[in-house]
Amino acid sequence: MGWSEAELSLTLISDRPMARLNRQTFQRRGPTNVIAFPFHPTPTPEGPPPLLGEVVISLETCARQAQETGWPVEELFDFFLIHGILHLLDYDHDTPEHEARMDEKTLELLRLLHPGIKDI
């Protein structure tokens, strides 16, 4: 990406504001687990670390999906955070090939945080 350090904004919200954000951003009804807003910064050699963008996670959806899937909530939260960060780094799941690439990278990074984790 052109830099060795970067920053991001992380916002944790409940389902109601997430549903509103999901509707405003994607015209979809209801809450979702994570939404990422990439800023696409230009690297500057002498400037501060660039702000990659914002990751927004619904803690209510995370807790509900953890209960539904049987995953520990901490691991699922980390999964959503990694997923959002990858969106900031231009990963996407708009095609089957892109989705496979993103899923592979998400699980690779998740296993660094949680060795022995089962696949989602």
PDB file of N, CA and C in Angstrom:
ATOM      1  N   MET A   1       0.811  -1.194   0.000  1.00  0.00           N
ATOM      2  CA  MET A   1       0.000   0.000   0.000  1.00  0.00           C
ATOM      3  C   MET A   1       0.853   1.255   0.000  1.00  0.00           C
ATOM      4  N   GLY A   2       2.131   1.123   0.294  1.00  0.00           N
ATOM      5  CA  GLY A   2       2.978   2.298   0.236  1.00  0.00           C
ATOM      6  C   GLY A   2       3.351   2.875   1.582  1.00  0.00           C
ATOM      7  N   TRP A   3       2.974   2.246   2.694  1.00  0.00           N
ATOM      8  CA  TRP A   3       3.350   2.740   4.006  1.00  0.00           C
ATOM      9  C   TRP A   3       3.525   1.558   4.961  1.00  0.00           C
ATOM     10  N   SER A   4       4.267   1.804   6.042  1.00  0.00           N
ATOM     11  CA  SER A   4       4.499   0.738   7.020  1.00  0.00           C
ATOM     12  C   SER A   4       3.607   0.877   8.249  1.00  0.00           C
ATOM     13  N   GLU A   5       2.986   2.025   8.437  1.00  0.00           N
ATOM     14  CA  GLU A   5       2.060   2.256   9.542  1.00  0.00           C
ATOM     15  C   GLU A   5       0.804   2.915   8.997  1.00  0.00           C
ATOM     16  N   ALA A   6      -0.294   2.647   9.649  1.00  0.00           N
ATOM     17  CA  ALA A   6      -1.558   3.277   9.272  1.00  0.00           C
ATOM     18  C   ALA A   6      -2.478   3.262  10.484  1.00  0.00           C
ATOM     19  N   GLU A   7      -3.517   4.069  10.418  1.00  0.00           N
ATOM     20  CA  GLU A   7      -4.511   4.137  11.480  1.00  0.00           C
ATOM     21  C   GLU A   7      -5.875   3.843  10.891  1.00  0.00           C
ATOM     22  N   LEU A   8      -6.811   3.498  11.779  1.00  0.00           N
ATOM     23  CA  LEU A   8      -8.196   3.334  11.371  1.00  0.00           C
ATOM     24  C   LEU A   8      -9.084   3.791  12.506  1.00  0.00           C
ATOM     25  N   SER A   9     -10.309   4.068  12.174  1.00  0.00           N
ATOM     26  CA  SER A   9     -11.309   4.425  13.176  1.00  0.00           C
ATOM     27  C   SER A   9     -12.200   3.206  13.377  1.00  0.00           C
ATOM     28  N   LEU A  10     -12.459   2.859  14.633  1.00  0.00           N
ATOM     29  CA  LEU A  10     -13.341   1.739  14.964  1.00  0.00           C
ATOM     30  C   LEU A  10     -14.516   2.289  15.763  1.00  0.00           C
ATOM     31  N   THR A  11     -15.718   2.037  15.271  1.00  0.00           N
ATOM     32  CA  THR A  11     -16.931   2.477  15.947  1.00  0.00           C
ATOM     33  C   THR A  11     -17.768   1.255  16.293  1.00  0.00           C
ATOM     34  N   LEU A  12     -18.159   1.152  17.562  1.00  0.00           N
ATOM     35  CA  LEU A  12     -18.989   0.049  18.043  1.00  0.00           C
ATOM     36  C   LEU A  12     -20.364   0.611  18.360  1.00  0.00           C
ATOM     37  N   ILE A  13     -21.394   0.029  17.736  1.00  0.00           N
ATOM     38  CA  ILE A  13     -22.749   0.556  17.895  1.00  0.00           C
ATOM     39  C   ILE A  13     -23.731  -0.586  18.148  1.00  0.00           C
ATOM     40  N   SER A  14     -24.982  -0.215  18.409  1.00  0.00           N
ATOM     41  CA  SER A  14     -26.051  -1.192  18.598  1.00  0.00           C
ATOM     42  C   SER A  14     -26.778  -1.406  17.266  1.00  0.00           C
ATOM     43  N   ASP A  15     -27.769  -2.284  17.289  1.00  0.00           N
ATOM     44  CA  ASP A  15     -28.464  -2.643  16.050  1.00  0.00           C
ATOM     45  C   ASP A  15     -29.244  -1.493  15.419  1.00  0.00           C
ATOM     46  N   ARG A  16     -29.876  -0.654  16.229  1.00  0.00           N
ATOM     47  CA  ARG A  16     -30.709   0.413  15.656  1.00  0.00           C
ATOM     48  C   ARG A  16     -29.887   1.373  14.784  1.00  0.00           C
ATOM     49  N   PRO A  17     -28.775   1.941  15.283  1.00  0.00           N
ATOM     50  CA  PRO A  17     -27.991   2.801  14.394  1.00  0.00           C
ATOM     51  C   PRO A  17     -27.335   2.025  13.253  1.00  0.00           C
ATOM     52  N   MET A  18     -27.023   0.746  13.471  1.00  0.00           N
ATOM     53  CA  MET A  18     -26.440  -0.046  12.380  1.00  0.00           C
ATOM     54  C   MET A  18     -27.467  -0.263  11.272  1.00  0.00           C
ATOM     55  N   ALA A  19     -28.716  -0.508  11.638  1.00  0.00           N
ATOM     56  CA  ALA A  19     -29.767  -0.668  10.629  1.00  0.00           C
ATOM     57  C   ALA A  19     -29.929   0.616   9.823  1.00  0.00           C
ATOM     58  N   ARG A  20     -29.880   1.747  10.511  1.00  0.00           N
ATOM     59  CA  ARG A  20     -29.987   3.042   9.827  1.00  0.00           C
ATOM     60  C   ARG A  20     -28.808   3.239   8.870  1.00  0.00           C
ATOM     61  N   LEU A  21     -27.607   2.921   9.346  1.00  0.00           N
ATOM     62  CA  LEU A  21     -26.404   3.055   8.522  1.00  0.00           C
ATOM     63  C   LEU A  21     -26.454   2.105   7.326  1.00  0.00           C
ATOM     64  N   ASN A  22     -26.920   0.896   7.537  1.00  0.00           N
ATOM     65  CA  ASN A  22     -27.032  -0.092   6.468  1.00  0.00           C
ATOM     66  C   ASN A  22     -28.026   0.377   5.403  1.00  0.00           C
ATOM     67  N   ARG A  23     -29.128   0.978   5.850  1.00  0.00           N
ATOM     68  CA  ARG A  23     -30.126   1.498   4.909  1.00  0.00           C
ATOM     69  C   ARG A  23     -29.568   2.685   4.125  1.00  0.00           C
ATOM     70  N   GLN A  24     -28.892   3.612   4.822  1.00  0.00           N
ATOM     71  CA  GLN A  24     -28.345   4.802   4.160  1.00  0.00           C
ATOM     72  C   GLN A  24     -27.217   4.448   3.189  1.00  0.00           C
ATOM     73  N   THR A  25     -26.417   3.461   3.545  1.00  0.00           N
ATOM     74  CA  THR A  25     -25.237   3.133   2.753  1.00  0.00           C
ATOM     75  C   THR A  25     -25.537   2.164   1.617  1.00  0.00           C
ATOM     76  N   PHE A  26     -26.301   1.116   1.922  1.00  0.00           N
ATOM     77  CA  PHE A  26     -26.510   0.036   0.949  1.00  0.00           C
ATOM     78  C   PHE A  26     -27.975  -0.168   0.566  1.00  0.00           C
ATOM     79  N   GLN A  27     -28.870   0.654   1.096  1.00  0.00           N
ATOM     80  CA  GLN A  27     -30.302   0.526   0.852  1.00  0.00           C
ATOM     81  C   GLN A  27     -30.804  -0.869   1.249  1.00  0.00           C
ATOM     82  N   ARG A  28     -30.238  -1.421   2.335  1.00  0.00           N
ATOM     83  CA  ARG A  28     -30.656  -2.725   2.856  1.00  0.00           C
ATOM     84  C   ARG A  28     -31.350  -2.520   4.197  1.00  0.00           C
ATOM     85  N   ARG A  29     -32.383  -3.320   4.430  1.00  0.00           N
ATOM     86  CA  ARG A  29     -33.141  -3.226   5.685  1.00  0.00           C
ATOM     87  C   ARG A  29     -32.466  -4.040   6.772  1.00  0.00           C
ATOM     88  N   GLY A  30     -32.539  -3.548   7.986  1.00  0.00           N
ATOM     89  CA  GLY A  30     -32.055  -4.269   9.150  1.00  0.00           C
ATOM     90  C   GLY A  30     -30.576  -4.060   9.406  1.00  0.00           C
ATOM     91  N   PRO A  31     -30.138  -4.499  10.583  1.00  0.00           N
ATOM     92  CA  PRO A  31     -28.725  -4.345  10.934  1.00  0.00           C
ATOM     93  C   PRO A  31     -27.862  -5.379  10.222  1.00  0.00           C
ATOM     94  N   THR A  32     -26.603  -5.094  10.137  1.00  0.00           N
ATOM     95  CA  THR A  32     -25.610  -6.048   9.647  1.00  0.00           C
ATOM     96  C   THR A  32     -24.501  -6.099  10.689  1.00  0.00           C
ATOM     97  N   ASN A  33     -23.555  -7.000  10.521  1.00  0.00           N
ATOM     98  CA  ASN A  33     -22.516  -7.145  11.544  1.00  0.00           C
ATOM     99  C   ASN A  33     -21.409  -6.105  11.429  1.00  0.00           C
ATOM    100  N   VAL A  34     -20.967  -5.808  10.211  1.00  0.00           N
ATOM    101  CA  VAL A  34     -19.844  -4.878  10.033  1.00  0.00           C
ATOM    102  C   VAL A  34     -20.009  -4.113   8.722  1.00  0.00           C
ATOM    103  N   ILE A  35     -19.664  -2.841   8.759  1.00  0.00           N
ATOM    104  CA  ILE A  35     -19.599  -2.004   7.558  1.00  0.00           C
ATOM    105  C   ILE A  35     -18.263  -1.271   7.606  1.00  0.00           C
ATOM    106  N   ALA A  36     -17.596  -1.216   6.462  1.00  0.00           N
ATOM    107  CA  ALA A  36     -16.305  -0.521   6.377  1.00  0.00           C
ATOM    108  C   ALA A  36     -16.403   0.612   5.362  1.00  0.00           C
ATOM    109  N   PHE A  37     -15.752   1.707   5.700  1.00  0.00           N
ATOM    110  CA  PHE A  37     -15.712   2.884   4.833  1.00  0.00           C
ATOM    111  C   PHE A  37     -14.256   3.216   4.531  1.00  0.00           C
ATOM    112  N   PRO A  38     -13.715   2.724   3.408  1.00  0.00           N
ATOM    113  CA  PRO A  38     -12.323   3.032   3.063  1.00  0.00           C
ATOM    114  C   PRO A  38     -12.170   4.497   2.663  1.00  0.00           C
ATOM    115  N   PHE A  39     -11.065   5.111   3.091  1.00  0.00           N
ATOM    116  CA  PHE A  39     -10.782   6.500   2.739  1.00  0.00           C
ATOM    117  C   PHE A  39      -9.793   6.614   1.584  1.00  0.00           C
ATOM    118  N   HIS A  40      -9.088   5.540   1.239  1.00  0.00           N
ATOM    119  CA  HIS A  40      -8.106   5.520   0.147  1.00  0.00           C
ATOM    120  C   HIS A  40      -7.093   6.661   0.255  1.00  0.00           C
ATOM    121  N   PRO A  41      -6.335   6.694   1.359  1.00  0.00           N
ATOM    122  CA  PRO A  41      -5.359   7.783   1.531  1.00  0.00           C
ATOM    123  C   PRO A  41      -4.174   7.650   0.584  1.00  0.00           C
ATOM    124  N   THR A  42      -3.546   8.780   0.308  1.00  0.00           N
ATOM    125  CA  THR A  42      -2.321   8.811  -0.481  1.00  0.00           C
ATOM    126  C   THR A  42      -1.141   8.845   0.480  1.00  0.00           C
ATOM    127  N   PRO A  43      -0.183   7.907   0.321  1.00  0.00           N
ATOM    128  CA  PRO A  43       0.959   7.909   1.241  1.00  0.00           C
ATOM    129  C   PRO A  43       1.805   9.164   1.091  1.00  0.00           C
ATOM    130  N   THR A  44       2.232   9.715   2.218  1.00  0.00           N
ATOM    131  CA  THR A  44       3.160  10.844   2.226  1.00  0.00           C
ATOM    132  C   THR A  44       4.351  10.457   3.088  1.00  0.00           C
ATOM    133  N   PRO A  45       5.570  10.558   2.551  1.00  0.00           N
ATOM    134  CA  PRO A  45       6.743  10.043   3.258  1.00  0.00           C
ATOM    135  C   PRO A  45       6.995  10.679   4.620  1.00  0.00           C
ATOM    136  N   GLU A  46       6.764  11.951   4.772  1.00  0.00           N
ATOM    137  CA  GLU A  46       7.085  12.631   6.025  1.00  0.00           C
ATOM    138  C   GLU A  46       5.865  12.917   6.891  1.00  0.00           C
ATOM    139  N   GLY A  47       4.692  12.574   6.407  1.00  0.00           N
ATOM    140  CA  GLY A  47       3.477  12.893   7.149  1.00  0.00           C
ATOM    141  C   GLY A  47       3.146  11.855   8.202  1.00  0.00           C
ATOM    142  N   PRO A  48       2.069  12.096   8.926  1.00  0.00           N
ATOM    143  CA  PRO A  48       1.626  11.134   9.939  1.00  0.00           C
ATOM    144  C   PRO A  48       1.093   9.873   9.254  1.00  0.00           C
ATOM    145  N   PRO A  49       0.920   8.788  10.017  1.00  0.00           N
ATOM    146  CA  PRO A  49       0.346   7.584   9.415  1.00  0.00           C
ATOM    147  C   PRO A  49      -1.024   7.899   8.813  1.00  0.00           C
ATOM    148  N   PRO A  50      -1.324   7.369   7.649  1.00  0.00           N
ATOM    149  CA  PRO A  50      -2.600   7.671   7.009  1.00  0.00           C
ATOM    150  C   PRO A  50      -3.765   6.994   7.735  1.00  0.00           C
ATOM    151  N   LEU A  51      -4.927   7.613   7.649  1.00  0.00           N
ATOM    152  CA  LEU A  51      -6.154   7.035   8.175  1.00  0.00           C
ATOM    153  C   LEU A  51      -6.784   6.213   7.056  1.00  0.00           C
ATOM    154  N   LEU A  52      -6.779   4.882   7.216  1.00  0.00           N
ATOM    155  CA  LEU A  52      -7.279   3.986   6.171  1.00  0.00           C
ATOM    156  C   LEU A  52      -8.783   4.090   5.978  1.00  0.00           C
ATOM    157  N   GLY A  53      -9.496   4.360   7.058  1.00  0.00           N
ATOM    158  CA  GLY A  53     -10.942   4.434   6.968  1.00  0.00           C
ATOM    159  C   GLY A  53     -11.575   4.098   8.293  1.00  0.00           C
ATOM    160  N   GLU A  54     -12.857   3.776   8.237  1.00  0.00           N
ATOM    161  CA  GLU A  54     -13.615   3.483   9.450  1.00  0.00           C
ATOM    162  C   GLU A  54     -14.255   2.107   9.340  1.00  0.00           C
ATOM    163  N   VAL A  55     -14.188   1.360  10.433  1.00  0.00           N
ATOM    164  CA  VAL A  55     -14.871   0.075  10.559  1.00  0.00           C
ATOM    165  C   VAL A  55     -15.945   0.253  11.631  1.00  0.00           C
ATOM    166  N   VAL A  56     -17.175  -0.113  11.293  1.00  0.00           N
ATOM    167  CA  VAL A  56     -18.304   0.000  12.214  1.00  0.00           C
ATOM    168  C   VAL A  56     -18.838  -1.407  12.476  1.00  0.00           C
ATOM    169  N   ILE A  57     -18.918  -1.789  13.752  1.00  0.00           N
ATOM    170  CA  ILE A  57     -19.390  -3.121  14.130  1.00  0.00           C
ATOM    171  C   ILE A  57     -20.588  -2.983  15.061  1.00  0.00           C
ATOM    172  N   SER A  58     -21.631  -3.761  14.788  1.00  0.00           N
ATOM    173  CA  SER A  58     -22.773  -3.821  15.698  1.00  0.00           C
ATOM    174  C   SER A  58     -22.492  -4.883  16.756  1.00  0.00           C
ATOM    175  N   LEU A  59     -22.364  -4.442  18.000  1.00  0.00           N
ATOM    176  CA  LEU A  59     -22.109  -5.382  19.089  1.00  0.00           C
ATOM    177  C   LEU A  59     -23.315  -6.290  19.340  1.00  0.00           C
ATOM    178  N   GLU A  60     -24.516  -5.769  19.136  1.00  0.00           N
ATOM    179  CA  GLU A  60     -25.712  -6.606  19.314  1.00  0.00           C
ATOM    180  C   GLU A  60     -25.758  -7.727  18.285  1.00  0.00           C
ATOM    181  N   THR A  61     -25.487  -7.392  17.030  1.00  0.00           N
ATOM    182  CA  THR A  61     -25.485  -8.414  15.989  1.00  0.00           C
ATOM    183  C   THR A  61     -24.369  -9.415  16.233  1.00  0.00           C
ATOM    184  N   CYS A  62     -23.222  -8.933  16.650  1.00  0.00           N
ATOM    185  CA  CYS A  62     -22.097  -9.820  16.949  1.00  0.00           C
ATOM    186  C   CYS A  62     -22.484 -10.813  18.050  1.00  0.00           C
ATOM    187  N   ALA A  63     -23.075 -10.329  19.126  1.00  0.00           N
ATOM    188  CA  ALA A  63     -23.474 -11.205  20.233  1.00  0.00           C
ATOM    189  C   ALA A  63     -24.543 -12.203  19.789  1.00  0.00           C
ATOM    190  N   ARG A  64     -25.512 -11.731  19.019  1.00  0.00           N
ATOM    191  CA  ARG A  64     -26.582 -12.607  18.538  1.00  0.00           C
ATOM    192  C   ARG A  64     -26.025 -13.692  17.617  1.00  0.00           C
ATOM    193  N   GLN A  65     -25.149 -13.301  16.677  1.00  0.00           N
ATOM    194  CA  GLN A  65     -24.593 -14.285  15.753  1.00  0.00           C
ATOM    195  C   GLN A  65     -23.660 -15.257  16.465  1.00  0.00           C
ATOM    196  N   ALA A  66     -22.977 -14.805  17.499  1.00  0.00           N
ATOM    197  CA  ALA A  66     -22.132 -15.715  18.282  1.00  0.00           C
ATOM    198  C   ALA A  66     -23.003 -16.775  18.947  1.00  0.00           C
ATOM    199  N   GLN A  67     -24.121 -16.350  19.504  1.00  0.00           N
ATOM    200  CA  GLN A  67     -25.030 -17.300  20.142  1.00  0.00           C
ATOM    201  C   GLN A  67     -25.608 -18.269  19.111  1.00  0.00           C
ATOM    202  N   GLU A  68     -25.976 -17.757  17.937  1.00  0.00           N
ATOM    203  CA  GLU A  68     -26.563 -18.600  16.890  1.00  0.00           C
ATOM    204  C   GLU A  68     -25.568 -19.620  16.344  1.00  0.00           C
ATOM    205  N   THR A  69     -24.301 -19.229  16.238  1.00  0.00           N
ATOM    206  CA  THR A  69     -23.293 -20.103  15.634  1.00  0.00           C
ATOM    207  C   THR A  69     -22.523 -20.937  16.647  1.00  0.00           C
ATOM    208  N   GLY A  70     -22.607 -20.557  17.924  1.00  0.00           N
ATOM    209  CA  GLY A  70     -21.836 -21.257  18.940  1.00  0.00           C
ATOM    210  C   GLY A  70     -20.388 -20.810  19.027  1.00  0.00           C
ATOM    211  N   TRP A  71     -20.045 -19.761  18.303  1.00  0.00           N
ATOM    212  CA  TRP A  71     -18.687 -19.217  18.357  1.00  0.00           C
ATOM    213  C   TRP A  71     -18.538 -18.340  19.591  1.00  0.00           C
ATOM    214  N   PRO A  72     -17.362 -18.322  20.212  1.00  0.00           N
ATOM    215  CA  PRO A  72     -17.125 -17.346  21.283  1.00  0.00           C
ATOM    216  C   PRO A  72     -17.251 -15.926  20.713  1.00  0.00           C
ATOM    217  N   VAL A  73     -17.921 -15.055  21.448  1.00  0.00           N
ATOM    218  CA  VAL A  73     -18.182 -13.703  20.952  1.00  0.00           C
ATOM    219  C   VAL A  73     -16.880 -12.962  20.641  1.00  0.00           C
ATOM    220  N   GLU A  74     -15.820 -13.204  21.417  1.00  0.00           N
ATOM    221  CA  GLU A  74     -14.539 -12.522  21.177  1.00  0.00           C
ATOM    222  C   GLU A  74     -13.953 -12.919  19.824  1.00  0.00           C
ATOM    223  N   GLU A  75     -14.052 -14.192  19.482  1.00  0.00           N
ATOM    224  CA  GLU A  75     -13.522 -14.656  18.198  1.00  0.00           C
ATOM    225  C   GLU A  75     -14.342 -14.106  17.040  1.00  0.00           C
ATOM    226  N   LEU A  76     -15.655 -14.087  17.196  1.00  0.00           N
ATOM    227  CA  LEU A  76     -16.499 -13.559  16.128  1.00  0.00           C
ATOM    228  C   LEU A  76     -16.280 -12.060  15.961  1.00  0.00           C
ATOM    229  N   PHE A  77     -16.126 -11.338  17.072  1.00  0.00           N
ATOM    230  CA  PHE A  77     -15.815  -9.910  16.985  1.00  0.00           C
ATOM    231  C   PHE A  77     -14.514  -9.706  16.208  1.00  0.00           C
ATOM    232  N   ASP A  78     -13.481 -10.480  16.532  1.00  0.00           N
ATOM    233  CA  ASP A  78     -12.207 -10.359  15.813  1.00  0.00           C
ATOM    234  C   ASP A  78     -12.380 -10.684  14.334  1.00  0.00           C
ATOM    235  N   PHE A  79     -13.221 -11.669  14.022  1.00  0.00           N
ATOM    236  CA  PHE A  79     -13.511 -12.002  12.626  1.00  0.00           C
ATOM    237  C   PHE A  79     -14.101 -10.788  11.908  1.00  0.00           C
ATOM    238  N   PHE A  80     -15.093 -10.145  12.524  1.00  0.00           N
ATOM    239  CA  PHE A  80     -15.718  -8.971  11.904  1.00  0.00           C
ATOM    240  C   PHE A  80     -14.722  -7.821  11.770  1.00  0.00           C
ATOM    241  N   LEU A  81     -13.893  -7.625  12.781  1.00  0.00           N
ATOM    242  CA  LEU A  81     -12.895  -6.559  12.719  1.00  0.00           C
ATOM    243  C   LEU A  81     -11.909  -6.807  11.583  1.00  0.00           C
ATOM    244  N   ILE A  82     -11.402  -8.017  11.480  1.00  0.00           N
ATOM    245  CA  ILE A  82     -10.477  -8.358  10.390  1.00  0.00           C
ATOM    246  C   ILE A  82     -11.163  -8.177   9.046  1.00  0.00           C
ATOM    247  N   HIS A  83     -12.393  -8.642   8.939  1.00  0.00           N
ATOM    248  CA  HIS A  83     -13.153  -8.497   7.695  1.00  0.00           C
ATOM    249  C   HIS A  83     -13.259  -7.020   7.300  1.00  0.00           C
ATOM    250  N   GLY A  84     -13.590  -6.176   8.267  1.00  0.00           N
ATOM    251  CA  GLY A  84     -13.694  -4.743   7.992  1.00  0.00           C
ATOM    252  C   GLY A  84     -12.366  -4.131   7.591  1.00  0.00           C
ATOM    253  N   ILE A  85     -11.295  -4.513   8.280  1.00  0.00           N
ATOM    254  CA  ILE A  85      -9.965  -3.984   7.944  1.00  0.00           C
ATOM    255  C   ILE A  85      -9.568  -4.401   6.539  1.00  0.00           C
ATOM    256  N   LEU A  86      -9.868  -5.635   6.168  1.00  0.00           N
ATOM    257  CA  LEU A  86      -9.542  -6.076   4.808  1.00  0.00           C
ATOM    258  C   LEU A  86     -10.288  -5.256   3.763  1.00  0.00           C
ATOM    259  N   HIS A  87     -11.523  -4.867   4.056  1.00  0.00           N
ATOM    260  CA  HIS A  87     -12.231  -3.967   3.134  1.00  0.00           C
ATOM    261  C   HIS A  87     -11.478  -2.645   2.993  1.00  0.00           C
ATOM    262  N   LEU A  88     -10.910  -2.140   4.088  1.00  0.00           N
ATOM    263  CA  LEU A  88     -10.138  -0.898   4.015  1.00  0.00           C
ATOM    264  C   LEU A  88      -8.893  -1.067   3.156  1.00  0.00           C
ATOM    265  N   LEU A  89      -8.418  -2.309   3.045  1.00  0.00           N
ATOM    266  CA  LEU A  89      -7.225  -2.613   2.245  1.00  0.00           C
ATOM    267  C   LEU A  89      -7.597  -3.109   0.851  1.00  0.00           C
ATOM    268  N   ASP A  90      -8.813  -2.801   0.416  1.00  0.00           N
ATOM    269  CA  ASP A  90      -9.318  -3.093  -0.926  1.00  0.00           C
ATOM    270  C   ASP A  90      -9.642  -4.556  -1.192  1.00  0.00           C
ATOM    271  N   TYR A  91      -9.812  -5.354  -0.158  1.00  0.00           N
ATOM    272  CA  TYR A  91     -10.371  -6.692  -0.360  1.00  0.00           C
ATOM    273  C   TYR A  91     -11.878  -6.531  -0.503  1.00  0.00           C
ATOM    274  N   ASP A  92     -12.489  -7.430  -1.263  1.00  0.00           N
ATOM    275  CA  ASP A  92     -13.935  -7.372  -1.434  1.00  0.00           C
ATOM    276  C   ASP A  92     -14.464  -8.777  -1.665  1.00  0.00           C
ATOM    277  N   HIS A  93     -15.776  -8.916  -1.667  1.00  0.00           N
ATOM    278  CA  HIS A  93     -16.411 -10.206  -1.929  1.00  0.00           C
ATOM    279  C   HIS A  93     -17.502 -10.034  -2.976  1.00  0.00           C
ATOM    280  N   ASP A  94     -17.189  -9.229  -4.003  1.00  0.00           N
ATOM    281  CA  ASP A  94     -18.146  -8.937  -5.060  1.00  0.00           C
ATOM    282  C   ASP A  94     -18.188 -10.008  -6.145  1.00  0.00           C
ATOM    283  N   THR A  95     -17.218 -10.909  -6.177  1.00  0.00           N
ATOM    284  CA  THR A  95     -17.212 -12.048  -7.096  1.00  0.00           C
ATOM    285  C   THR A  95     -16.828 -13.288  -6.287  1.00  0.00           C
ATOM    286  N   PRO A  96     -17.134 -14.480  -6.778  1.00  0.00           N
ATOM    287  CA  PRO A  96     -16.729 -15.688  -6.050  1.00  0.00           C
ATOM    288  C   PRO A  96     -15.216 -15.767  -5.824  1.00  0.00           C
ATOM    289  N   GLU A  97     -14.431 -15.326  -6.791  1.00  0.00           N
ATOM    290  CA  GLU A  97     -12.971 -15.350  -6.646  1.00  0.00           C
ATOM    291  C   GLU A  97     -12.510 -14.376  -5.567  1.00  0.00           C
ATOM    292  N   HIS A  98     -13.060 -13.173  -5.577  1.00  0.00           N
ATOM    293  CA  HIS A  98     -12.710 -12.179  -4.559  1.00  0.00           C
ATOM    294  C   HIS A  98     -13.156 -12.645  -3.173  1.00  0.00           C
ATOM    295  N   GLU A  99     -14.334 -13.251  -3.118  1.00  0.00           N
ATOM    296  CA  GLU A  99     -14.842 -13.738  -1.833  1.00  0.00           C
ATOM    297  C   GLU A  99     -13.936 -14.832  -1.271  1.00  0.00           C
ATOM    298  N   ALA A 100     -13.492 -15.751  -2.122  1.00  0.00           N
ATOM    299  CA  ALA A 100     -12.592 -16.823  -1.674  1.00  0.00           C
ATOM    300  C   ALA A 100     -11.277 -16.239  -1.169  1.00  0.00           C
ATOM    301  N   ARG A 101     -10.747 -15.251  -1.890  1.00  0.00           N
ATOM    302  CA  ARG A 101      -9.494 -14.600  -1.483  1.00  0.00           C
ATOM    303  C   ARG A 101      -9.661 -13.898  -0.134  1.00  0.00           C
ATOM    304  N   MET A 102     -10.774 -13.193   0.024  1.00  0.00           N
ATOM    305  CA  MET A 102     -11.016 -12.468   1.271  1.00  0.00           C
ATOM    306  C   MET A 102     -11.238 -13.435   2.435  1.00  0.00           C
ATOM    307  N   ASP A 103     -12.006 -14.492   2.208  1.00  0.00           N
ATOM    308  CA  ASP A 103     -12.243 -15.486   3.261  1.00  0.00           C
ATOM    309  C   ASP A 103     -10.941 -16.141   3.697  1.00  0.00           C
ATOM    310  N   GLU A 104     -10.096 -16.476   2.733  1.00  0.00           N
ATOM    311  CA  GLU A 104      -8.811 -17.106   3.039  1.00  0.00           C
ATOM    312  C   GLU A 104      -7.938 -16.183   3.892  1.00  0.00           C
ATOM    313  N   LYS A 105      -7.849 -14.913   3.515  1.00  0.00           N
ATOM    314  CA  LYS A 105      -7.033 -13.955   4.265  1.00  0.00           C
ATOM    315  C   LYS A 105      -7.637 -13.699   5.650  1.00  0.00           C
ATOM    316  N   THR A 106      -8.955 -13.613   5.735  1.00  0.00           N
ATOM    317  CA  THR A 106      -9.609 -13.400   7.025  1.00  0.00           C
ATOM    318  C   THR A 106      -9.275 -14.538   7.985  1.00  0.00           C
ATOM    319  N   LEU A 107      -9.410 -15.772   7.519  1.00  0.00           N
ATOM    320  CA  LEU A 107      -9.122 -16.920   8.384  1.00  0.00           C
ATOM    321  C   LEU A 107      -7.641 -17.013   8.722  1.00  0.00           C
ATOM    322  N   GLU A 108      -6.782 -16.674   7.768  1.00  0.00           N
ATOM    323  CA  GLU A 108      -5.334 -16.669   8.036  1.00  0.00           C
ATOM    324  C   GLU A 108      -5.009 -15.718   9.192  1.00  0.00           C
ATOM    325  N   LEU A 109      -5.549 -14.518   9.143  1.00  0.00           N
ATOM    326  CA  LEU A 109      -5.282 -13.532  10.191  1.00  0.00           C
ATOM    327  C   LEU A 109      -5.974 -13.900  11.501  1.00  0.00           C
ATOM    328  N   LEU A 110      -7.171 -14.454  11.408  1.00  0.00           N
ATOM    329  CA  LEU A 110      -7.887 -14.862  12.612  1.00  0.00           C
ATOM    330  C   LEU A 110      -7.128 -15.964  13.344  1.00  0.00           C
ATOM    331  N   ARG A 111      -6.522 -16.871  12.598  1.00  0.00           N
ATOM    332  CA  ARG A 111      -5.747 -17.957  13.220  1.00  0.00           C
ATOM    333  C   ARG A 111      -4.489 -17.439  13.912  1.00  0.00           C
ATOM    334  N   LEU A 112      -3.981 -16.297  13.491  1.00  0.00           N
ATOM    335  CA  LEU A 112      -2.850 -15.694  14.203  1.00  0.00           C
ATOM    336  C   LEU A 112      -3.279 -15.226  15.596  1.00  0.00           C
ATOM    337  N   LEU A 113      -4.500 -14.729  15.697  1.00  0.00           N
ATOM    338  CA  LEU A 113      -5.029 -14.262  16.985  1.00  0.00           C
ATOM    339  C   LEU A 113      -5.571 -15.406  17.840  1.00  0.00           C
ATOM    340  N   HIS A 114      -6.129 -16.407  17.184  1.00  0.00           N
ATOM    341  CA  HIS A 114      -6.788 -17.518  17.879  1.00  0.00           C
ATOM    342  C   HIS A 114      -6.319 -18.843  17.277  1.00  0.00           C
ATOM    343  N   PRO A 115      -5.115 -19.300  17.614  1.00  0.00           N
ATOM    344  CA  PRO A 115      -4.636 -20.582  17.073  1.00  0.00           C
ATOM    345  C   PRO A 115      -5.618 -21.710  17.419  1.00  0.00           C
ATOM    346  N   GLY A 116      -5.823 -22.584  16.465  1.00  0.00           N
ATOM    347  CA  GLY A 116      -6.723 -23.714  16.688  1.00  0.00           C
ATOM    348  C   GLY A 116      -8.184 -23.406  16.461  1.00  0.00           C
ATOM    349  N   ILE A 117      -8.482 -22.205  15.994  1.00  0.00           N
ATOM    350  CA  ILE A 117      -9.870 -21.827  15.757  1.00  0.00           C
ATOM    351  C   ILE A 117     -10.452 -22.677  14.631  1.00  0.00           C
ATOM    352  N   LYS A 118     -11.738 -22.991  14.745  1.00  0.00           N
ATOM    353  CA  LYS A 118     -12.431 -23.735  13.696  1.00  0.00           C
ATOM    354  C   LYS A 118     -12.892 -22.746  12.631  1.00  0.00           C
ATOM    355  N   ASP A 119     -13.083 -23.253  11.423  1.00  0.00           N
ATOM    356  CA  ASP A 119     -13.582 -22.396  10.349  1.00  0.00           C
ATOM    357  C   ASP A 119     -15.013 -21.962  10.637  1.00  0.00           C
ATOM    358  N   ILE A 120     -15.329 -20.776  10.169  1.00  0.00           N
ATOM    359  CA  ILE A 120     -16.707 -20.280  10.285  1.00  0.00           C
ATOM    360  C   ILE A 120     -17.525 -20.915   9.183  1.00  0.00           C
TER     361      ILE A 120
END
